[in-house]
Amino acid sequence: VKILRGLGFSRCRLSLAVPKEAHCTGLDWFEGKKIATSYPEILKRF
């Protein structure tokens, strides 16, 4: 399918999040980690 218009409402973002105590300093932290998600295809591509 194709996108005809962005409609400007229902804005949000898809983000990686970690426990506060994890002290994540960058994307390298996720190497070898287990990540739970409902959006596996977007995550795998990233």
ModelCIF file with pLDDT and N, C-alpha, C, O atoms, coordinates in Angstrom:
data_MODEL
#
_entry.id   MODEL 
#
_entity.id                         1 
_entity.type                       polymer 
_entity.pdbx_number_of_molecules   1 
#
_entity_poly.entity_id                      1 
_entity_poly.type                           'polypeptide(L)' 
_entity_poly.nstd_linkage                   no 
_entity_poly.nstd_monomer                   no 
_entity_poly.pdbx_seq_one_letter_code       VKILRGLGFSRCRLSLAVPKEAHCTGLDWFEGKKIATSYPEILKRF 
_entity_poly.pdbx_seq_one_letter_code_can   VKILRGLGFSRCRLSLAVPKEAHCTGLDWFEGKKIATSYPEILKRF 
_entity_poly.pdbx_strand_id                 A 
#
loop_
_entity_poly_seq.entity_id 
_entity_poly_seq.num 
_entity_poly_seq.mon_id 
_entity_poly_seq.hetero 
1 1  VAL n 
1 2  LYS n 
1 3  ILE n 
1 4  LEU n 
1 5  ARG n 
1 6  GLY n 
1 7  LEU n 
1 8  GLY n 
1 9  PHE n 
1 10 SER n 
1 11 ARG n 
1 12 CYS n 
1 13 ARG n 
1 14 LEU n 
1 15 SER n 
1 16 LEU n 
1 17 ALA n 
1 18 VAL n 
1 19 PRO n 
1 20 LYS n 
1 21 GLU n 
1 22 ALA n 
1 23 HIS n 
1 24 CYS n 
1 25 THR n 
1 26 GLY n 
1 27 LEU n 
1 28 ASP n 
1 29 TRP n 
1 30 PHE n 
1 31 GLU n 
1 32 GLY n 
1 33 LYS n 
1 34 LYS n 
1 35 ILE n 
1 36 ALA n 
1 37 THR n 
1 38 SER n 
1 39 TYR n 
1 40 PRO n 
1 41 GLU n 
1 42 ILE n 
1 43 LEU n 
1 44 LYS n 
1 45 ARG n 
1 46 PHE n 
#
_struct_asym.id          A 
_struct_asym.entity_id   1 
#
loop_
_ma_qa_metric.id 
_ma_qa_metric.mode 
_ma_qa_metric.name 
_ma_qa_metric.software_group_id 
_ma_qa_metric.type 
1 global pLDDT . pLDDT 
2 local  pLDDT . pLDDT 
#
_ma_qa_metric_global.metric_id      1 
_ma_qa_metric_global.metric_value   95.37 
_ma_qa_metric_global.model_id       1 
_ma_qa_metric_global.ordinal_id     1 
#
loop_
_ma_qa_metric_local.label_asym_id 
_ma_qa_metric_local.label_comp_id 
_ma_qa_metric_local.label_seq_id 
_ma_qa_metric_local.metric_id 
_ma_qa_metric_local.metric_value 
_ma_qa_metric_local.model_id 
_ma_qa_metric_local.ordinal_id 
A VAL 1  2 97.00 1 1  
A LYS 2  2 96.00 1 2  
A ILE 3  2 97.00 1 3  
A LEU 4  2 97.00 1 4  
A ARG 5  2 96.00 1 5  
A GLY 6  2 96.00 1 6  
A LEU 7  2 96.00 1 7  
A GLY 8  2 92.00 1 8  
A PHE 9  2 93.00 1 9  
A SER 10 2 92.00 1 10 
A ARG 11 2 93.00 1 11 
A CYS 12 2 94.00 1 12 
A ARG 13 2 96.00 1 13 
A LEU 14 2 97.00 1 14 
A SER 15 2 97.00 1 15 
A LEU 16 2 97.00 1 16 
A ALA 17 2 97.00 1 17 
A VAL 18 2 97.00 1 18 
A PRO 19 2 96.00 1 19 
A LYS 20 2 94.00 1 20 
A GLU 21 2 93.00 1 21 
A ALA 22 2 93.00 1 22 
A HIS 23 2 87.00 1 23 
A CYS 24 2 91.00 1 24 
A THR 25 2 88.00 1 25 
A GLY 26 2 93.00 1 26 
A LEU 27 2 96.00 1 27 
A ASP 28 2 95.00 1 28 
A TRP 29 2 96.00 1 29 
A PHE 30 2 97.00 1 30 
A GLU 31 2 96.00 1 31 
A GLY 32 2 96.00 1 32 
A LYS 33 2 96.00 1 33 
A LYS 34 2 97.00 1 34 
A ILE 35 2 98.00 1 35 
A ALA 36 2 97.00 1 36 
A THR 37 2 97.00 1 37 
A SER 38 2 95.00 1 38 
A TYR 39 2 97.00 1 39 
A PRO 40 2 97.00 1 40 
A GLU 41 2 97.00 1 41 
A ILE 42 2 97.00 1 42 
A LEU 43 2 97.00 1 43 
A LYS 44 2 97.00 1 44 
A ARG 45 2 97.00 1 45 
A PHE 46 2 97.00 1 46 
#
loop_
_atom_site.group_PDB 
_atom_site.id 
_atom_site.type_symbol 
_atom_site.label_atom_id 
_atom_site.label_alt_id 
_atom_site.label_comp_id 
_atom_site.label_asym_id 
_atom_site.label_entity_id 
_atom_site.label_seq_id 
_atom_site.pdbx_PDB_ins_code 
_atom_site.Cartn_x 
_atom_site.Cartn_y 
_atom_site.Cartn_z 
_atom_site.occupancy 
_atom_site.B_iso_or_equiv 
_atom_site.pdbx_formal_charge 
_atom_site.auth_seq_id 
_atom_site.auth_comp_id 
_atom_site.auth_asym_id 
_atom_site.auth_atom_id 
_atom_site.pdbx_PDB_model_num 
ATOM 1   N N  . VAL A 1 1  ? 0.864  -1.181  0.000  1.00 97.00 ? 1  VAL A N  1 
ATOM 2   C CA . VAL A 1 1  ? 0.000  0.000   0.000  1.00 97.00 ? 1  VAL A CA 1 
ATOM 3   C C  . VAL A 1 1  ? 0.902  1.233   0.000  1.00 97.00 ? 1  VAL A C  1 
ATOM 4   O O  . VAL A 1 1  ? 2.107  1.134   0.229  1.00 97.00 ? 1  VAL A O  1 
ATOM 5   N N  . LYS A 1 2  ? 0.308  2.379   -0.257 1.00 96.00 ? 2  LYS A N  1 
ATOM 6   C CA . LYS A 1 2  ? 1.084  3.624   -0.290 1.00 96.00 ? 2  LYS A CA 1 
ATOM 7   C C  . LYS A 1 2  ? 0.497  4.640   0.684  1.00 96.00 ? 2  LYS A C  1 
ATOM 8   O O  . LYS A 1 2  ? -0.703 4.633   0.956  1.00 96.00 ? 2  LYS A O  1 
ATOM 9   N N  . ILE A 1 3  ? 1.351  5.509   1.203  1.00 97.00 ? 3  ILE A N  1 
ATOM 10  C CA . ILE A 1 3  ? 0.912  6.592   2.083  1.00 97.00 ? 3  ILE A CA 1 
ATOM 11  C C  . ILE A 1 3  ? 0.524  7.791   1.222  1.00 97.00 ? 3  ILE A C  1 
ATOM 12  O O  . ILE A 1 3  ? 1.317  8.264   0.408  1.00 97.00 ? 3  ILE A O  1 
ATOM 13  N N  . LEU A 1 4  ? -0.702 8.276   1.408  1.00 97.00 ? 4  LEU A N  1 
ATOM 14  C CA . LEU A 1 4  ? -1.171 9.451   0.681  1.00 97.00 ? 4  LEU A CA 1 
ATOM 15  C C  . LEU A 1 4  ? -0.916 10.738  1.458  1.00 97.00 ? 4  LEU A C  1 
ATOM 16  O O  . LEU A 1 4  ? -0.545 11.756  0.873  1.00 97.00 ? 4  LEU A O  1 
ATOM 17  N N  . ARG A 1 5  ? -1.111 10.696  2.764  1.00 96.00 ? 5  ARG A N  1 
ATOM 18  C CA . ARG A 1 5  ? -0.968 11.886  3.582  1.00 96.00 ? 5  ARG A CA 1 
ATOM 19  C C  . ARG A 1 5  ? -0.550 11.502  5.003  1.00 96.00 ? 5  ARG A C  1 
ATOM 20  O O  . ARG A 1 5  ? -1.006 10.497  5.549  1.00 96.00 ? 5  ARG A O  1 
ATOM 21  N N  . GLY A 1 6  ? 0.315  12.313  5.583  1.00 96.00 ? 6  GLY A N  1 
ATOM 22  C CA . GLY A 1 6  ? 0.474  12.290  7.029  1.00 96.00 ? 6  GLY A CA 1 
ATOM 23  C C  . GLY A 1 6  ? -0.606 13.184  7.597  1.00 96.00 ? 6  GLY A C  1 
ATOM 24  O O  . GLY A 1 6  ? -0.820 14.286  7.093  1.00 96.00 ? 6  GLY A O  1 
ATOM 25  N N  . LEU A 1 7  ? -1.289 12.738  8.633  1.00 96.00 ? 7  LEU A N  1 
ATOM 26  C CA . LEU A 1 7  ? -2.470 13.458  9.118  1.00 96.00 ? 7  LEU A CA 1 
ATOM 27  C C  . LEU A 1 7  ? -2.196 14.324  10.346 1.00 96.00 ? 7  LEU A C  1 
ATOM 28  O O  . LEU A 1 7  ? -3.050 15.116  10.744 1.00 96.00 ? 7  LEU A O  1 
ATOM 29  N N  . GLY A 1 8  ? -1.017 14.183  10.947 1.00 92.00 ? 8  GLY A N  1 
ATOM 30  C CA . GLY A 1 8  ? -0.620 15.104  12.001 1.00 92.00 ? 8  GLY A CA 1 
ATOM 31  C C  . GLY A 1 8  ? -1.187 14.843  13.374 1.00 92.00 ? 8  GLY A C  1 
ATOM 32  O O  . GLY A 1 8  ? -0.882 15.586  14.307 1.00 92.00 ? 8  GLY A O  1 
ATOM 33  N N  . PHE A 1 9  ? -2.020 13.795  13.541 1.00 93.00 ? 9  PHE A N  1 
ATOM 34  C CA . PHE A 1 9  ? -2.541 13.494  14.877 1.00 93.00 ? 9  PHE A CA 1 
ATOM 35  C C  . PHE A 1 9  ? -2.108 12.092  15.302 1.00 93.00 ? 9  PHE A C  1 
ATOM 36  O O  . PHE A 1 9  ? -1.502 11.356  14.524 1.00 93.00 ? 9  PHE A O  1 
ATOM 37  N N  . SER A 1 10 ? -2.426 11.735  16.543 1.00 92.00 ? 10 SER A N  1 
ATOM 38  C CA . SER A 1 10 ? -2.011 10.449  17.121 1.00 92.00 ? 10 SER A CA 1 
ATOM 39  C C  . SER A 1 10 ? -0.503 10.258  17.006 1.00 92.00 ? 10 SER A C  1 
ATOM 40  O O  . SER A 1 10 ? -0.027 9.186   16.633 1.00 92.00 ? 10 SER A O  1 
ATOM 41  N N  . ARG A 1 11 ? 0.233  11.300  17.328 1.00 93.00 ? 11 ARG A N  1 
ATOM 42  C CA . ARG A 1 11 ? 1.697  11.234  17.253 1.00 93.00 ? 11 ARG A CA 1 
ATOM 43  C C  . ARG A 1 11 ? 2.268  10.406  18.395 1.00 93.00 ? 11 ARG A C  1 
ATOM 44  O O  . ARG A 1 11 ? 1.784  10.473  19.524 1.00 93.00 ? 11 ARG A O  1 
ATOM 45  N N  . CYS A 1 12 ? 3.284  9.638   18.099 1.00 94.00 ? 12 CYS A N  1 
ATOM 46  C CA . CYS A 1 12 ? 4.005  8.864   19.101 1.00 94.00 ? 12 CYS A CA 1 
ATOM 47  C C  . CYS A 1 12 ? 5.369  8.515   18.501 1.00 94.00 ? 12 CYS A C  1 
ATOM 48  O O  . CYS A 1 12 ? 5.719  8.995   17.423 1.00 94.00 ? 12 CYS A O  1 
ATOM 49  N N  . ARG A 1 13 ? 6.125  7.689   19.197 1.00 96.00 ? 13 ARG A N  1 
ATOM 50  C CA . ARG A 1 13 ? 7.416  7.240   18.673 1.00 96.00 ? 13 ARG A CA 1 
ATOM 51  C C  . ARG A 1 13 ? 7.641  5.797   19.101 1.00 96.00 ? 13 ARG A C  1 
ATOM 52  O O  . ARG A 1 13 ? 7.091  5.334   20.100 1.00 96.00 ? 13 ARG A O  1 
ATOM 53  N N  . LEU A 1 14 ? 8.449  5.105   18.334 1.00 97.00 ? 14 LEU A N  1 
ATOM 54  C CA . LEU A 1 14 ? 8.863  3.752   18.691 1.00 97.00 ? 14 LEU A CA 1 
ATOM 55  C C  . LEU A 1 14 ? 10.282 3.843   19.223 1.00 97.00 ? 14 LEU A C  1 
ATOM 56  O O  . LEU A 1 14 ? 11.190 4.310   18.535 1.00 97.00 ? 14 LEU A O  1 
ATOM 57  N N  . SER A 1 15 ? 10.459 3.389   20.461 1.00 97.00 ? 15 SER A N  1 
ATOM 58  C CA . SER A 1 15 ? 11.751 3.571   21.126 1.00 97.00 ? 15 SER A CA 1 
ATOM 59  C C  . SER A 1 15 ? 12.230 2.300   21.800 1.00 97.00 ? 15 SER A C  1 
ATOM 60  O O  . SER A 1 15 ? 11.443 1.449   22.212 1.00 97.00 ? 15 SER A O  1 
ATOM 61  N N  . LEU A 1 16 ? 13.529 2.202   21.897 1.00 97.00 ? 16 LEU A N  1 
ATOM 62  C CA . LEU A 1 16 ? 14.154 1.195   22.750 1.00 97.00 ? 16 LEU A CA 1 
ATOM 63  C C  . LEU A 1 16 ? 14.215 1.763   24.159 1.00 97.00 ? 16 LEU A C  1 
ATOM 64  O O  . LEU A 1 16 ? 14.585 2.921   24.352 1.00 97.00 ? 16 LEU A O  1 
ATOM 65  N N  . ALA A 1 17 ? 13.854 0.954   25.136 1.00 97.00 ? 17 ALA A N  1 
ATOM 66  C CA . ALA A 1 17 ? 13.881 1.398   26.528 1.00 97.00 ? 17 ALA A CA 1 
ATOM 67  C C  . ALA A 1 17 ? 14.507 0.320   27.394 1.00 97.00 ? 17 ALA A C  1 
ATOM 68  O O  . ALA A 1 17 ? 14.382 -0.872  27.111 1.00 97.00 ? 17 ALA A O  1 
ATOM 69  N N  . VAL A 1 18 ? 15.180 0.746   28.449 1.00 97.00 ? 18 VAL A N  1 
ATOM 70  C CA . VAL A 1 18 ? 15.906 -0.166  29.342 1.00 97.00 ? 18 VAL A CA 1 
ATOM 71  C C  . VAL A 1 18 ? 15.586 0.184   30.786 1.00 97.00 ? 18 VAL A C  1 
ATOM 72  O O  . VAL A 1 18 ? 15.127 1.294   31.058 1.00 97.00 ? 18 VAL A O  1 
ATOM 73  N N  . PRO A 1 19 ? 15.815 -0.729  31.712 1.00 96.00 ? 19 PRO A N  1 
ATOM 74  C CA . PRO A 1 19 ? 15.656 -0.396  33.137 1.00 96.00 ? 19 PRO A CA 1 
ATOM 75  C C  . PRO A 1 19 ? 16.597 0.746   33.536 1.00 96.00 ? 19 PRO A C  1 
ATOM 76  O O  . PRO A 1 19 ? 17.707 0.855   33.014 1.00 96.00 ? 19 PRO A O  1 
ATOM 77  N N  . LYS A 1 20 ? 16.149 1.584   34.453 1.00 94.00 ? 20 LYS A N  1 
ATOM 78  C CA . LYS A 1 20 ? 16.940 2.743   34.877 1.00 94.00 ? 20 LYS A CA 1 
ATOM 79  C C  . LYS A 1 20 ? 18.321 2.334   35.382 1.00 94.00 ? 20 LYS A C  1 
ATOM 80  O O  . LYS A 1 20 ? 19.305 3.042   35.171 1.00 94.00 ? 20 LYS A O  1 
ATOM 81  N N  . GLU A 1 21 ? 18.380 1.198   36.041 1.00 93.00 ? 21 GLU A N  1 
ATOM 82  C CA . GLU A 1 21 ? 19.646 0.764   36.626 1.00 93.00 ? 21 GLU A CA 1 
ATOM 83  C C  . GLU A 1 21 ? 20.590 0.116   35.608 1.00 93.00 ? 21 GLU A C  1 
ATOM 84  O O  . GLU A 1 21 ? 21.693 -0.294  35.968 1.00 93.00 ? 21 GLU A O  1 
ATOM 85  N N  . ALA A 1 22 ? 20.173 0.021   34.351 1.00 93.00 ? 22 ALA A N  1 
ATOM 86  C CA . ALA A 1 22 ? 20.995 -0.666  33.344 1.00 93.00 ? 22 ALA A CA 1 
ATOM 87  C C  . ALA A 1 22 ? 22.209 0.160   32.920 1.00 93.00 ? 22 ALA A C  1 
ATOM 88  O O  . ALA A 1 22 ? 23.196 -0.392  32.434 1.00 93.00 ? 22 ALA A O  1 
ATOM 89  N N  . HIS A 1 23 ? 22.141 1.467   33.099 1.00 87.00 ? 23 HIS A N  1 
ATOM 90  C CA . HIS A 1 23 ? 23.260 2.356   32.728 1.00 87.00 ? 23 HIS A CA 1 
ATOM 91  C C  . HIS A 1 23 ? 23.651 2.174   31.254 1.00 87.00 ? 23 HIS A C  1 
ATOM 92  O O  . HIS A 1 23 ? 24.826 2.020   30.921 1.00 87.00 ? 23 HIS A O  1 
ATOM 93  N N  . CYS A 1 24 ? 22.647 2.196   30.395 1.00 91.00 ? 24 CYS A N  1 
ATOM 94  C CA . CYS A 1 24 ? 22.887 2.064   28.949 1.00 91.00 ? 24 CYS A CA 1 
ATOM 95  C C  . CYS A 1 24 ? 23.536 3.341   28.424 1.00 91.00 ? 24 CYS A C  1 
ATOM 96  O O  . CYS A 1 24 ? 23.003 4.435   28.611 1.00 91.00 ? 24 CYS A O  1 
ATOM 97  N N  . THR A 1 25 ? 24.683 3.200   27.770 1.00 88.00 ? 25 THR A N  1 
ATOM 98  C CA . THR A 1 25 ? 25.418 4.366   27.284 1.00 88.00 ? 25 THR A CA 1 
ATOM 99  C C  . THR A 1 25 ? 25.393 4.502   25.761 1.00 88.00 ? 25 THR A C  1 
ATOM 100 O O  . THR A 1 25 ? 25.975 5.438   25.212 1.00 88.00 ? 25 THR A O  1 
ATOM 101 N N  . GLY A 1 26 ? 24.726 3.581   25.085 1.00 93.00 ? 26 GLY A N  1 
ATOM 102 C CA . GLY A 1 26 ? 24.667 3.648   23.630 1.00 93.00 ? 26 GLY A CA 1 
ATOM 103 C C  . GLY A 1 26 ? 24.110 2.367   23.046 1.00 93.00 ? 26 GLY A C  1 
ATOM 104 O O  . GLY A 1 26 ? 23.779 1.436   23.780 1.00 93.00 ? 26 GLY A O  1 
ATOM 105 N N  . LEU A 1 27 ? 24.005 2.316   21.735 1.00 96.00 ? 27 LEU A N  1 
ATOM 106 C CA . LEU A 1 27 ? 23.411 1.161   21.073 1.00 96.00 ? 27 LEU A CA 1 
ATOM 107 C C  . LEU A 1 27 ? 24.226 -0.110  21.256 1.00 96.00 ? 27 LEU A C  1 
ATOM 108 O O  . LEU A 1 27 ? 23.682 -1.209  21.156 1.00 96.00 ? 27 LEU A O  1 
ATOM 109 N N  . ASP A 1 28 ? 25.521 0.021   21.522 1.00 95.00 ? 28 ASP A N  1 
ATOM 110 C CA . ASP A 1 28 ? 26.352 -1.172  21.733 1.00 95.00 ? 28 ASP A CA 1 
ATOM 111 C C  . ASP A 1 28 ? 25.877 -2.002  22.919 1.00 95.00 ? 28 ASP A C  1 
ATOM 112 O O  . ASP A 1 28 ? 26.136 -3.203  22.996 1.00 95.00 ? 28 ASP A O  1 
ATOM 113 N N  . TRP A 1 29 ? 25.176 -1.343  23.842 1.00 96.00 ? 29 TRP A N  1 
ATOM 114 C CA . TRP A 1 29 ? 24.673 -2.037  25.038 1.00 96.00 ? 29 TRP A CA 1 
ATOM 115 C C  . TRP A 1 29 ? 23.725 -3.175  24.656 1.00 96.00 ? 29 TRP A C  1 
ATOM 116 O O  . TRP A 1 29 ? 23.631 -4.172  25.372 1.00 96.00 ? 29 TRP A O  1 
ATOM 117 N N  . PHE A 1 30 ? 23.024 -3.029  23.529 1.00 97.00 ? 30 PHE A N  1 
ATOM 118 C CA . PHE A 1 30 ? 22.001 -4.005  23.146 1.00 97.00 ? 30 PHE A CA 1 
ATOM 119 C C  . PHE A 1 30 ? 22.584 -5.258  22.494 1.00 97.00 ? 30 PHE A C  1 
ATOM 120 O O  . PHE A 1 30 ? 21.857 -6.221  22.252 1.00 97.00 ? 30 PHE A O  1 
ATOM 121 N N  . GLU A 1 31 ? 23.865 -5.257  22.211 1.00 96.00 ? 31 GLU A N  1 
ATOM 122 C CA . GLU A 1 31 ? 24.501 -6.435  21.623 1.00 96.00 ? 31 GLU A CA 1 
ATOM 123 C C  . GLU A 1 31 ? 24.329 -7.642  22.544 1.00 96.00 ? 31 GLU A C  1 
ATOM 124 O O  . GLU A 1 31 ? 24.732 -7.611  23.706 1.00 96.00 ? 31 GLU A O  1 
ATOM 125 N N  . GLY A 1 32 ? 23.717 -8.714  22.003 1.00 96.00 ? 32 GLY A N  1 
ATOM 126 C CA . GLY A 1 32 ? 23.522 -9.945  22.749 1.00 96.00 ? 32 GLY A CA 1 
ATOM 127 C C  . GLY A 1 32 ? 22.380 -9.913  23.752 1.00 96.00 ? 32 GLY A C  1 
ATOM 128 O O  . GLY A 1 32 ? 22.157 -10.897 24.458 1.00 96.00 ? 32 GLY A O  1 
ATOM 129 N N  . LYS A 1 33 ? 21.658 -8.811  23.831 1.00 96.00 ? 33 LYS A N  1 
ATOM 130 C CA . LYS A 1 33 ? 20.558 -8.688  24.797 1.00 96.00 ? 33 LYS A CA 1 
ATOM 131 C C  . LYS A 1 33 ? 19.258 -9.237  24.219 1.00 96.00 ? 33 LYS A C  1 
ATOM 132 O O  . LYS A 1 33 ? 19.116 -9.402  23.008 1.00 96.00 ? 33 LYS A O  1 
ATOM 133 N N  . LYS A 1 34 ? 18.313 -9.516  25.117 1.00 97.00 ? 34 LYS A N  1 
ATOM 134 C CA . LYS A 1 34 ? 16.985 -9.956  24.711 1.00 97.00 ? 34 LYS A CA 1 
ATOM 135 C C  . LYS A 1 34 ? 16.049 -8.748  24.784 1.00 97.00 ? 34 LYS A C  1 
ATOM 136 O O  . LYS A 1 34 ? 15.955 -8.082  25.815 1.00 97.00 ? 34 LYS A O  1 
ATOM 137 N N  . ILE A 1 35 ? 15.351 -8.474  23.663 1.00 98.00 ? 35 ILE A N  1 
ATOM 138 C CA . ILE A 1 35 ? 14.485 -7.305  23.572 1.00 98.00 ? 35 ILE A CA 1 
ATOM 139 C C  . ILE A 1 35 ? 13.053 -7.771  23.294 1.00 98.00 ? 35 ILE A C  1 
ATOM 140 O O  . ILE A 1 35 ? 12.803 -8.480  22.319 1.00 98.00 ? 35 ILE A O  1 
ATOM 141 N N  . ALA A 1 36 ? 12.120 -7.368  24.153 1.00 97.00 ? 36 ALA A N  1 
ATOM 142 C CA . ALA A 1 36 ? 10.710 -7.721  23.980 1.00 97.00 ? 36 ALA A CA 1 
ATOM 143 C C  . ALA A 1 36 ? 10.005 -6.622  23.185 1.00 97.00 ? 36 ALA A C  1 
ATOM 144 O O  . ALA A 1 36 ? 10.244 -5.435  23.410 1.00 97.00 ? 36 ALA A O  1 
ATOM 145 N N  . THR A 1 37 ? 9.133  -7.025  22.253 1.00 97.00 ? 37 THR A N  1 
ATOM 146 C CA . THR A 1 37 ? 8.453  -6.036  21.424 1.00 97.00 ? 37 THR A CA 1 
ATOM 147 C C  . THR A 1 37 ? 7.214  -6.612  20.753 1.00 97.00 ? 37 THR A C  1 
ATOM 148 O O  . THR A 1 37 ? 7.088  -7.823  20.576 1.00 97.00 ? 37 THR A O  1 
ATOM 149 N N  . SER A 1 38 ? 6.305  -5.721  20.386 1.00 95.00 ? 38 SER A N  1 
ATOM 150 C CA . SER A 1 38 ? 5.168  -6.084  19.542 1.00 95.00 ? 38 SER A CA 1 
ATOM 151 C C  . SER A 1 38 ? 5.413  -5.666  18.098 1.00 95.00 ? 38 SER A C  1 
ATOM 152 O O  . SER A 1 38 ? 4.550  -5.852  17.240 1.00 95.00 ? 38 SER A O  1 
ATOM 153 N N  . TYR A 1 39 ? 6.591  -5.100  17.829 1.00 97.00 ? 39 TYR A N  1 
ATOM 154 C CA . TYR A 1 39 ? 6.943  -4.623  16.490 1.00 97.00 ? 39 TYR A CA 1 
ATOM 155 C C  . TYR A 1 39 ? 8.266  -5.249  16.053 1.00 97.00 ? 39 TYR A C  1 
ATOM 156 O O  . TYR A 1 39 ? 9.263  -4.546  15.888 1.00 97.00 ? 39 TYR A O  1 
ATOM 157 N N  . PRO A 1 40 ? 8.275  -6.582  15.863 1.00 97.00 ? 40 PRO A N  1 
ATOM 158 C CA . PRO A 1 40 ? 9.540  -7.277  15.578 1.00 97.00 ? 40 PRO A CA 1 
ATOM 159 C C  . PRO A 1 40 ? 10.157 -6.903  14.231 1.00 97.00 ? 40 PRO A C  1 
ATOM 160 O O  . PRO A 1 40 ? 11.382 -6.856  14.116 1.00 97.00 ? 40 PRO A O  1 
ATOM 161 N N  . GLU A 1 41 ? 9.338  -6.634  13.208 1.00 97.00 ? 41 GLU A N  1 
ATOM 162 C CA . GLU A 1 41 ? 9.902  -6.372  11.881 1.00 97.00 ? 41 GLU A CA 1 
ATOM 163 C C  . GLU A 1 41 ? 10.645 -5.041  11.847 1.00 97.00 ? 41 GLU A C  1 
ATOM 164 O O  . GLU A 1 41 ? 11.738 -4.952  11.288 1.00 97.00 ? 41 GLU A O  1 
ATOM 165 N N  . ILE A 1 42 ? 10.056 -4.011  12.441 1.00 97.00 ? 42 ILE A N  1 
ATOM 166 C CA . ILE A 1 42 ? 10.727 -2.710  12.504 1.00 97.00 ? 42 ILE A CA 1 
ATOM 167 C C  . ILE A 1 42 ? 12.016 -2.833  13.303 1.00 97.00 ? 42 ILE A C  1 
ATOM 168 O O  . ILE A 1 42 ? 13.056 -2.300  12.915 1.00 97.00 ? 42 ILE A O  1 
ATOM 169 N N  . LEU A 1 43 ? 11.934 -3.543  14.424 1.00 97.00 ? 43 LEU A N  1 
ATOM 170 C CA . LEU A 1 43 ? 13.111 -3.707  15.279 1.00 97.00 ? 43 LEU A CA 1 
ATOM 171 C C  . LEU A 1 43 ? 14.211 -4.489  14.562 1.00 97.00 ? 43 LEU A C  1 
ATOM 172 O O  . LEU A 1 43 ? 15.379 -4.105  14.630 1.00 97.00 ? 43 LEU A O  1 
ATOM 173 N N  . LYS A 1 44 ? 13.861 -5.568  13.883 1.00 97.00 ? 44 LYS A N  1 
ATOM 174 C CA . LYS A 1 44 ? 14.871 -6.369  13.188 1.00 97.00 ? 44 LYS A CA 1 
ATOM 175 C C  . LYS A 1 44 ? 15.580 -5.551  12.109 1.00 97.00 ? 44 LYS A C  1 
ATOM 176 O O  . LYS A 1 44 ? 16.793 -5.655  11.933 1.00 97.00 ? 44 LYS A O  1 
ATOM 177 N N  . ARG A 1 45 ? 14.806 -4.738  11.390 1.00 97.00 ? 45 ARG A N  1 
ATOM 178 C CA . ARG A 1 45 ? 15.424 -3.901  10.356 1.00 97.00 ? 45 ARG A CA 1 
ATOM 179 C C  . ARG A 1 45 ? 16.390 -2.891  10.980 1.00 97.00 ? 45 ARG A C  1 
ATOM 180 O O  . ARG A 1 45 ? 17.471 -2.637  10.448 1.00 97.00 ? 45 ARG A O  1 
ATOM 181 N N  . PHE A 1 46 ? 15.990 -2.331  12.097 1.00 97.00 ? 46 PHE A N  1 
ATOM 182 C CA . PHE A 1 46 ? 16.850 -1.351  12.773 1.00 97.00 ? 46 PHE A CA 1 
ATOM 183 C C  . PHE A 1 46 ? 18.134 -2.004  13.276 1.00 97.00 ? 46 PHE A C  1 
ATOM 184 O O  . PHE A 1 46 ? 18.976 -1.331  13.870 1.00 97.00 ? 46 PHE A O  1 
#
